[in-house]
Amino acid sequence: MAVKRRRRARRDVERDYPKKQFVSKLRRLADAIEAGRTFRIQVAGERIAIAPDATIQIEHERGDGVEEIEFQLRWPTSE
């Protein structure tokens, strides 16, 4: 019997965090990356597990009087 997997809907969520909370999340992320462990986080009510072998990118954007840095982690899903 085949196992049906629920397909996850596309999402694009941004959330602001107080500085103290953001720093705490970054520290946990850095520790997990350094140790080669899965990083687990909840964003807007959804629990996410980031694979230890995720690709890490840093993106910089500039325009209209604003600059932005994005730390991106990408990993394949099992869907």
PDB file of N, CA and C in Angstrom:
ATOM      1  N   MET A   1       0.837  -1.160   0.000  1.00  0.00           N
ATOM      2  CA  MET A   1       0.000   0.000   0.000  1.00  0.00           C
ATOM      3  C   MET A   1       0.898   1.244   0.000  1.00  0.00           C
ATOM      4  N   ALA A   2       0.608   2.177  -0.887  1.00  0.00           N
ATOM      5  CA  ALA A   2       1.387   3.413  -1.005  1.00  0.00           C
ATOM      6  C   ALA A   2       0.998   4.385   0.109  1.00  0.00           C
ATOM      7  N   VAL A   3       1.989   5.077   0.606  1.00  0.00           N
ATOM      8  CA  VAL A   3       1.750   6.073   1.640  1.00  0.00           C
ATOM      9  C   VAL A   3       1.558   7.428   0.972  1.00  0.00           C
ATOM     10  N   LYS A   4       0.446   8.080   1.265  1.00  0.00           N
ATOM     11  CA  LYS A   4       0.191   9.406   0.701  1.00  0.00           C
ATOM     12  C   LYS A   4       0.842  10.458   1.577  1.00  0.00           C
ATOM     13  N   ARG A   5       1.548  11.363   0.944  1.00  0.00           N
ATOM     14  CA  ARG A   5       2.144  12.476   1.670  1.00  0.00           C
ATOM     15  C   ARG A   5       1.340  13.729   1.395  1.00  0.00           C
ATOM     16  N   ARG A   6       1.103  14.464   2.459  1.00  0.00           N
ATOM     17  CA  ARG A   6       0.368  15.718   2.312  1.00  0.00           C
ATOM     18  C   ARG A   6       1.302  16.762   1.724  1.00  0.00           C
ATOM     19  N   ARG A   7       0.915  17.336   0.631  1.00  0.00           N
ATOM     20  CA  ARG A   7       1.727  18.357  -0.016  1.00  0.00           C
ATOM     21  C   ARG A   7       1.575  19.676   0.740  1.00  0.00           C
ATOM     22  N   ARG A   8       2.688  20.288   1.056  1.00  0.00           N
ATOM     23  CA  ARG A   8       2.656  21.549   1.788  1.00  0.00           C
ATOM     24  C   ARG A   8       2.411  22.706   0.834  1.00  0.00           C
ATOM     25  N   ALA A   9       1.589  23.637   1.276  1.00  0.00           N
ATOM     26  CA  ALA A   9       1.270  24.810   0.468  1.00  0.00           C
ATOM     27  C   ALA A   9       2.481  25.741   0.409  1.00  0.00           C
ATOM     28  N   ARG A  10       2.589  26.476  -0.672  1.00  0.00           N
ATOM     29  CA  ARG A  10       3.646  27.485  -0.787  1.00  0.00           C
ATOM     30  C   ARG A  10       3.419  28.551   0.268  1.00  0.00           C
ATOM     31  N   ARG A  11       4.517  29.150   0.708  1.00  0.00           N
ATOM     32  CA  ARG A  11       4.449  30.169   1.751  1.00  0.00           C
ATOM     33  C   ARG A  11       5.515  31.217   1.515  1.00  0.00           C
ATOM     34  N   ASP A  12       5.245  32.418   1.896  1.00  0.00           N
ATOM     35  CA  ASP A  12       6.242  33.493   1.891  1.00  0.00           C
ATOM     36  C   ASP A  12       5.890  34.387   3.076  1.00  0.00           C
ATOM     37  N   VAL A  13       6.533  34.126   4.212  1.00  0.00           N
ATOM     38  CA  VAL A  13       6.189  34.792   5.465  1.00  0.00           C
ATOM     39  C   VAL A  13       7.378  35.610   5.943  1.00  0.00           C
ATOM     40  N   GLU A  14       7.112  36.817   6.379  1.00  0.00           N
ATOM     41  CA  GLU A  14       8.126  37.642   7.027  1.00  0.00           C
ATOM     42  C   GLU A  14       7.598  38.021   8.389  1.00  0.00           C
ATOM     43  N   ARG A  15       8.486  38.012   9.380  1.00  0.00           N
ATOM     44  CA  ARG A  15       8.050  38.345  10.736  1.00  0.00           C
ATOM     45  C   ARG A  15       9.127  39.164  11.413  1.00  0.00           C
ATOM     46  N   ASP A  16       8.733  40.212  12.093  1.00  0.00           N
ATOM     47  CA  ASP A  16       9.663  41.025  12.869  1.00  0.00           C
ATOM     48  C   ASP A  16       9.814  40.420  14.266  1.00  0.00           C
ATOM     49  N   TYR A  17      11.039  40.457  14.784  1.00  0.00           N
ATOM     50  CA  TYR A  17      11.322  39.959  16.125  1.00  0.00           C
ATOM     51  C   TYR A  17      12.025  41.034  16.936  1.00  0.00           C
ATOM     52  N   PRO A  18      11.788  41.064  18.235  1.00  0.00           N
ATOM     53  CA  PRO A  18      12.590  41.947  19.090  1.00  0.00           C
ATOM     54  C   PRO A  18      14.057  41.501  19.016  1.00  0.00           C
ATOM     55  N   LYS A  19      14.958  42.449  19.170  1.00  0.00           N
ATOM     56  CA  LYS A  19      16.388  42.166  19.024  1.00  0.00           C
ATOM     57  C   LYS A  19      16.845  40.985  19.888  1.00  0.00           C
ATOM     58  N   LYS A  20      16.411  40.939  21.139  1.00  0.00           N
ATOM     59  CA  LYS A  20      16.842  39.872  22.053  1.00  0.00           C
ATOM     60  C   LYS A  20      16.418  38.491  21.544  1.00  0.00           C
ATOM     61  N   GLN A  21      15.205  38.379  21.043  1.00  0.00           N
ATOM     62  CA  GLN A  21      14.705  37.109  20.512  1.00  0.00           C
ATOM     63  C   GLN A  21      15.462  36.723  19.246  1.00  0.00           C
ATOM     64  N   PHE A  22      15.718  37.690  18.385  1.00  0.00           N
ATOM     65  CA  PHE A  22      16.447  37.438  17.142  1.00  0.00           C
ATOM     66  C   PHE A  22      17.854  36.927  17.439  1.00  0.00           C
ATOM     67  N   VAL A  23      18.537  37.562  18.382  1.00  0.00           N
ATOM     68  CA  VAL A  23      19.889  37.152  18.760  1.00  0.00           C
ATOM     69  C   VAL A  23      19.877  35.724  19.291  1.00  0.00           C
ATOM     70  N   SER A  24      18.894  35.390  20.106  1.00  0.00           N
ATOM     71  CA  SER A  24      18.781  34.040  20.652  1.00  0.00           C
ATOM     72  C   SER A  24      18.615  33.007  19.543  1.00  0.00           C
ATOM     73  N   LYS A  25      17.765  33.307  18.562  1.00  0.00           N
ATOM     74  CA  LYS A  25      17.550  32.391  17.440  1.00  0.00           C
ATOM     75  C   LYS A  25      18.823  32.237  16.611  1.00  0.00           C
ATOM     76  N   LEU A  26      19.522  33.335  16.372  1.00  0.00           N
ATOM     77  CA  LEU A  26      20.774  33.259  15.616  1.00  0.00           C
ATOM     78  C   LEU A  26      21.812  32.408  16.335  1.00  0.00           C
ATOM     79  N   ARG A  27      21.891  32.544  17.658  1.00  0.00           N
ATOM     80  CA  ARG A  27      22.849  31.735  18.426  1.00  0.00           C
ATOM     81  C   ARG A  27      22.525  30.254  18.337  1.00  0.00           C
ATOM     82  N   ARG A  28      21.236  29.925  18.472  1.00  0.00           N
ATOM     83  CA  ARG A  28      20.830  28.516  18.358  1.00  0.00           C
ATOM     84  C   ARG A  28      21.135  27.979  16.965  1.00  0.00           C
ATOM     85  N   LEU A  29      20.858  28.802  15.939  1.00  0.00           N
ATOM     86  CA  LEU A  29      21.141  28.400  14.565  1.00  0.00           C
ATOM     87  C   LEU A  29      22.636  28.169  14.367  1.00  0.00           C
ATOM     88  N   ALA A  30      23.463  29.116  14.825  1.00  0.00           N
ATOM     89  CA  ALA A  30      24.914  28.989  14.681  1.00  0.00           C
ATOM     90  C   ALA A  30      25.422  27.730  15.383  1.00  0.00           C
ATOM     91  N   ASP A  31      24.924  27.459  16.572  1.00  0.00           N
ATOM     92  CA  ASP A  31      25.336  26.256  17.311  1.00  0.00           C
ATOM     93  C   ASP A  31      24.969  24.985  16.539  1.00  0.00           C
ATOM     94  N   ALA A  32      23.754  24.948  15.982  1.00  0.00           N
ATOM     95  CA  ALA A  32      23.313  23.773  15.223  1.00  0.00           C
ATOM     96  C   ALA A  32      24.151  23.591  13.964  1.00  0.00           C
ATOM     97  N   ILE A  33      24.431  24.674  13.241  1.00  0.00           N
ATOM     98  CA  ILE A  33      25.244  24.588  12.032  1.00  0.00           C
ATOM     99  C   ILE A  33      26.639  24.074  12.380  1.00  0.00           C
ATOM    100  N   GLU A  34      27.229  24.650  13.412  1.00  0.00           N
ATOM    101  CA  GLU A  34      28.582  24.274  13.823  1.00  0.00           C
ATOM    102  C   GLU A  34      28.671  22.806  14.229  1.00  0.00           C
ATOM    103  N   ALA A  35      27.622  22.302  14.893  1.00  0.00           N
ATOM    104  CA  ALA A  35      27.608  20.916  15.371  1.00  0.00           C
ATOM    105  C   ALA A  35      27.091  19.931  14.321  1.00  0.00           C
ATOM    106  N   GLY A  36      26.623  20.441  13.173  1.00  0.00           N
ATOM    107  CA  GLY A  36      26.088  19.549  12.134  1.00  0.00           C
ATOM    108  C   GLY A  36      24.755  18.935  12.513  1.00  0.00           C
ATOM    109  N   ARG A  37      23.963  19.667  13.312  1.00  0.00           N
ATOM    110  CA  ARG A  37      22.661  19.180  13.764  1.00  0.00           C
ATOM    111  C   ARG A  37      21.518  19.852  13.006  1.00  0.00           C
ATOM    112  N   THR A  38      20.389  19.176  12.974  1.00  0.00           N
ATOM    113  CA  THR A  38      19.163  19.765  12.444  1.00  0.00           C
ATOM    114  C   THR A  38      18.771  20.935  13.334  1.00  0.00           C
ATOM    115  N   PHE A  39      18.339  22.035  12.716  1.00  0.00           N
ATOM    116  CA  PHE A  39      17.872  23.205  13.463  1.00  0.00           C
ATOM    117  C   PHE A  39      16.358  23.249  13.350  1.00  0.00           C
ATOM    118  N   ARG A  40      15.689  23.348  14.483  1.00  0.00           N
ATOM    119  CA  ARG A  40      14.230  23.403  14.496  1.00  0.00           C
ATOM    120  C   ARG A  40      13.782  24.769  14.975  1.00  0.00           C
ATOM    121  N   ILE A  41      12.804  25.313  14.252  1.00  0.00           N
ATOM    122  CA  ILE A  41      12.283  26.639  14.569  1.00  0.00           C
ATOM    123  C   ILE A  41      10.801  26.669  14.198  1.00  0.00           C
ATOM    124  N   GLN A  42      10.054  27.515  14.877  1.00  0.00           N
ATOM    125  CA  GLN A  42       8.649  27.713  14.528  1.00  0.00           C
ATOM    126  C   GLN A  42       8.501  29.129  13.991  1.00  0.00           C
ATOM    127  N   VAL A  43       7.894  29.237  12.800  1.00  0.00           N
ATOM    128  CA  VAL A  43       7.688  30.535  12.154  1.00  0.00           C
ATOM    129  C   VAL A  43       6.208  30.655  11.803  1.00  0.00           C
ATOM    130  N   ALA A  44       5.573  31.678  12.326  1.00  0.00           N
ATOM    131  CA  ALA A  44       4.151  31.938  12.064  1.00  0.00           C
ATOM    132  C   ALA A  44       3.307  30.682  12.239  1.00  0.00           C
ATOM    133  N   GLY A  45       3.563  29.952  13.341  1.00  0.00           N
ATOM    134  CA  GLY A  45       2.744  28.795  13.682  1.00  0.00           C
ATOM    135  C   GLY A  45       3.135  27.492  13.025  1.00  0.00           C
ATOM    136  N   GLU A  46       4.117  27.478  12.159  1.00  0.00           N
ATOM    137  CA  GLU A  46       4.533  26.243  11.498  1.00  0.00           C
ATOM    138  C   GLU A  46       5.922  25.846  11.984  1.00  0.00           C
ATOM    139  N   ARG A  47       6.051  24.580  12.371  1.00  0.00           N
ATOM    140  CA  ARG A  47       7.349  24.056  12.806  1.00  0.00           C
ATOM    141  C   ARG A  47       8.156  23.636  11.588  1.00  0.00           C
ATOM    142  N   ILE A  48       9.423  24.042  11.580  1.00  0.00           N
ATOM    143  CA  ILE A  48      10.294  23.785  10.439  1.00  0.00           C
ATOM    144  C   ILE A  48      11.581  23.165  10.943  1.00  0.00           C
ATOM    145  N   ALA A  49      12.051  22.131  10.249  1.00  0.00           N
ATOM    146  CA  ALA A  49      13.329  21.494  10.562  1.00  0.00           C
ATOM    147  C   ALA A  49      14.277  21.765   9.402  1.00  0.00           C
ATOM    148  N   ILE A  50      15.375  22.442   9.699  1.00  0.00           N
ATOM    149  CA  ILE A  50      16.369  22.782   8.681  1.00  0.00           C
ATOM    150  C   ILE A  50      17.448  21.712   8.701  1.00  0.00           C
ATOM    151  N   ALA A  51      17.660  21.073   7.564  1.00  0.00           N
ATOM    152  CA  ALA A  51      18.623  19.984   7.446  1.00  0.00           C
ATOM    153  C   ALA A  51      20.040  20.467   7.758  1.00  0.00           C
ATOM    154  N   PRO A  52      20.837  19.614   8.390  1.00  0.00           N
ATOM    155  CA  PRO A  52      22.200  20.009   8.738  1.00  0.00           C
ATOM    156  C   PRO A  52      23.086  20.288   7.526  1.00  0.00           C
ATOM    157  N   ASP A  53      22.710  19.761   6.369  1.00  0.00           N
ATOM    158  CA  ASP A  53      23.511  19.989   5.158  1.00  0.00           C
ATOM    159  C   ASP A  53      22.904  21.073   4.251  1.00  0.00           C
ATOM    160  N   ALA A  54      22.071  21.936   4.832  1.00  0.00           N
ATOM    161  CA  ALA A  54      21.444  23.022   4.061  1.00  0.00           C
ATOM    162  C   ALA A  54      22.522  23.920   3.456  1.00  0.00           C
ATOM    163  N   THR A  55      22.238  24.451   2.273  1.00  0.00           N
ATOM    164  CA  THR A  55      23.110  25.427   1.633  1.00  0.00           C
ATOM    165  C   THR A  55      22.860  26.775   2.284  1.00  0.00           C
ATOM    166  N   ILE A  56      23.945  27.474   2.611  1.00  0.00           N
ATOM    167  CA  ILE A  56      23.833  28.765   3.294  1.00  0.00           C
ATOM    168  C   ILE A  56      24.259  29.867   2.338  1.00  0.00           C
ATOM    169  N   GLN A  57      23.414  30.869   2.185  1.00  0.00           N
ATOM    170  CA  GLN A  57      23.703  32.005   1.309  1.00  0.00           C
ATOM    171  C   GLN A  57      23.448  33.299   2.067  1.00  0.00           C
ATOM    172  N   ILE A  58      24.207  34.309   1.711  1.00  0.00           N
ATOM    173  CA  ILE A  58      23.960  35.650   2.232  1.00  0.00           C
ATOM    174  C   ILE A  58      23.675  36.537   1.035  1.00  0.00           C
ATOM    175  N   GLU A  59      22.568  37.242   1.093  1.00  0.00           N
ATOM    176  CA  GLU A  59      22.116  38.070  -0.016  1.00  0.00           C
ATOM    177  C   GLU A  59      22.077  39.530   0.432  1.00  0.00           C
ATOM    178  N   HIS A  60      22.516  40.429  -0.447  1.00  0.00           N
ATOM    179  CA  HIS A  60      22.474  41.863  -0.150  1.00  0.00           C
ATOM    180  C   HIS A  60      21.693  42.553  -1.253  1.00  0.00           C
ATOM    181  N   GLU A  61      20.752  43.380  -0.865  1.00  0.00           N
ATOM    182  CA  GLU A  61      19.959  44.145  -1.827  1.00  0.00           C
ATOM    183  C   GLU A  61      20.014  45.617  -1.444  1.00  0.00           C
ATOM    184  N   ARG A  62      19.991  46.472  -2.454  1.00  0.00           N
ATOM    185  CA  ARG A  62      19.991  47.916  -2.218  1.00  0.00           C
ATOM    186  C   ARG A  62      19.050  48.559  -3.229  1.00  0.00           C
ATOM    187  N   GLY A  63      18.259  49.521  -2.754  1.00  0.00           N
ATOM    188  CA  GLY A  63      17.373  50.243  -3.655  1.00  0.00           C
ATOM    189  C   GLY A  63      16.421  51.141  -2.910  1.00  0.00           C
ATOM    190  N   ASP A  64      16.050  52.239  -3.545  1.00  0.00           N
ATOM    191  CA  ASP A  64      15.059  53.177  -3.002  1.00  0.00           C
ATOM    192  C   ASP A  64      15.367  53.587  -1.553  1.00  0.00           C
ATOM    193  N   GLY A  65      16.639  53.880  -1.260  1.00  0.00           N
ATOM    194  CA  GLY A  65      17.015  54.370   0.056  1.00  0.00           C
ATOM    195  C   GLY A  65      16.996  53.329   1.163  1.00  0.00           C
ATOM    196  N   VAL A  66      16.973  52.039   0.797  1.00  0.00           N
ATOM    197  CA  VAL A  66      16.928  50.951   1.778  1.00  0.00           C
ATOM    198  C   VAL A  66      17.953  49.892   1.393  1.00  0.00           C
ATOM    199  N   GLU A  67      18.602  49.314   2.399  1.00  0.00           N
ATOM    200  CA  GLU A  67      19.482  48.170   2.166  1.00  0.00           C
ATOM    201  C   GLU A  67      18.968  46.993   2.970  1.00  0.00           C
ATOM    202  N   GLU A  68      19.234  45.803   2.468  1.00  0.00           N
ATOM    203  CA  GLU A  68      18.714  44.593   3.107  1.00  0.00           C
ATOM    204  C   GLU A  68      19.756  43.484   3.021  1.00  0.00           C
ATOM    205  N   ILE A  69      19.912  42.751   4.121  1.00  0.00           N
ATOM    206  CA  ILE A  69      20.739  41.547   4.151  1.00  0.00           C
ATOM    207  C   ILE A  69      19.810  40.391   4.491  1.00  0.00           C
ATOM    208  N   GLU A  70      19.911  39.320   3.728  1.00  0.00           N
ATOM    209  CA  GLU A  70      19.136  38.114   4.010  1.00  0.00           C
ATOM    210  C   GLU A  70      20.096  36.955   4.194  1.00  0.00           C
ATOM    211  N   PHE A  71      19.916  36.218   5.287  1.00  0.00           N
ATOM    212  CA  PHE A  71      20.643  34.979   5.502  1.00  0.00           C
ATOM    213  C   PHE A  71      19.693  33.870   5.069  1.00  0.00           C
ATOM    214  N   GLN A  72      20.076  33.128   4.044  1.00  0.00           N
ATOM    215  CA  GLN A  72      19.176  32.121   3.493  1.00  0.00           C
ATOM    216  C   GLN A  72      19.748  30.717   3.706  1.00  0.00           C
ATOM    217  N   LEU A  73      18.891  29.803   4.073  1.00  0.00           N
ATOM    218  CA  LEU A  73      19.254  28.399   4.172  1.00  0.00           C
ATOM    219  C   LEU A  73      18.309  27.637   3.262  1.00  0.00           C
ATOM    220  N   ARG A  74      18.869  26.794   2.406  1.00  0.00           N
ATOM    221  CA  ARG A  74      18.042  26.016   1.461  1.00  0.00           C
ATOM    222  C   ARG A  74      18.403  24.542   1.573  1.00  0.00           C
ATOM    223  N   TRP A  75      17.367  23.706   1.532  1.00  0.00           N
ATOM    224  CA  TRP A  75      17.572  22.272   1.584  1.00  0.00           C
ATOM    225  C   TRP A  75      16.419  21.613   0.853  1.00  0.00           C
ATOM    226  N   PRO A  76      16.662  20.435   0.276  1.00  0.00           N
ATOM    227  CA  PRO A  76      15.584  19.752  -0.443  1.00  0.00           C
ATOM    228  C   PRO A  76      14.558  19.190   0.531  1.00  0.00           C
ATOM    229  N   THR A  77      13.318  19.170   0.094  1.00  0.00           N
ATOM    230  CA  THR A  77      12.246  18.592   0.903  1.00  0.00           C
ATOM    231  C   THR A  77      11.993  17.170   0.394  1.00  0.00           C
ATOM    232  N   SER A  78      11.309  16.409   1.169  1.00  0.00           N
ATOM    233  CA  SER A  78      11.036  15.005   0.788  1.00  0.00           C
ATOM    234  C   SER A  78       9.643  14.853   0.193  1.00  0.00           C
ATOM    235  N   GLU A  79       9.146  15.892  -0.435  1.00  0.00           N
ATOM    236  CA  GLU A  79       7.794  15.837  -1.036  1.00  0.00           C
ATOM    237  C   GLU A  79       7.861  15.272  -2.414  1.00  0.00           C
TER     238      GLU A  79
END
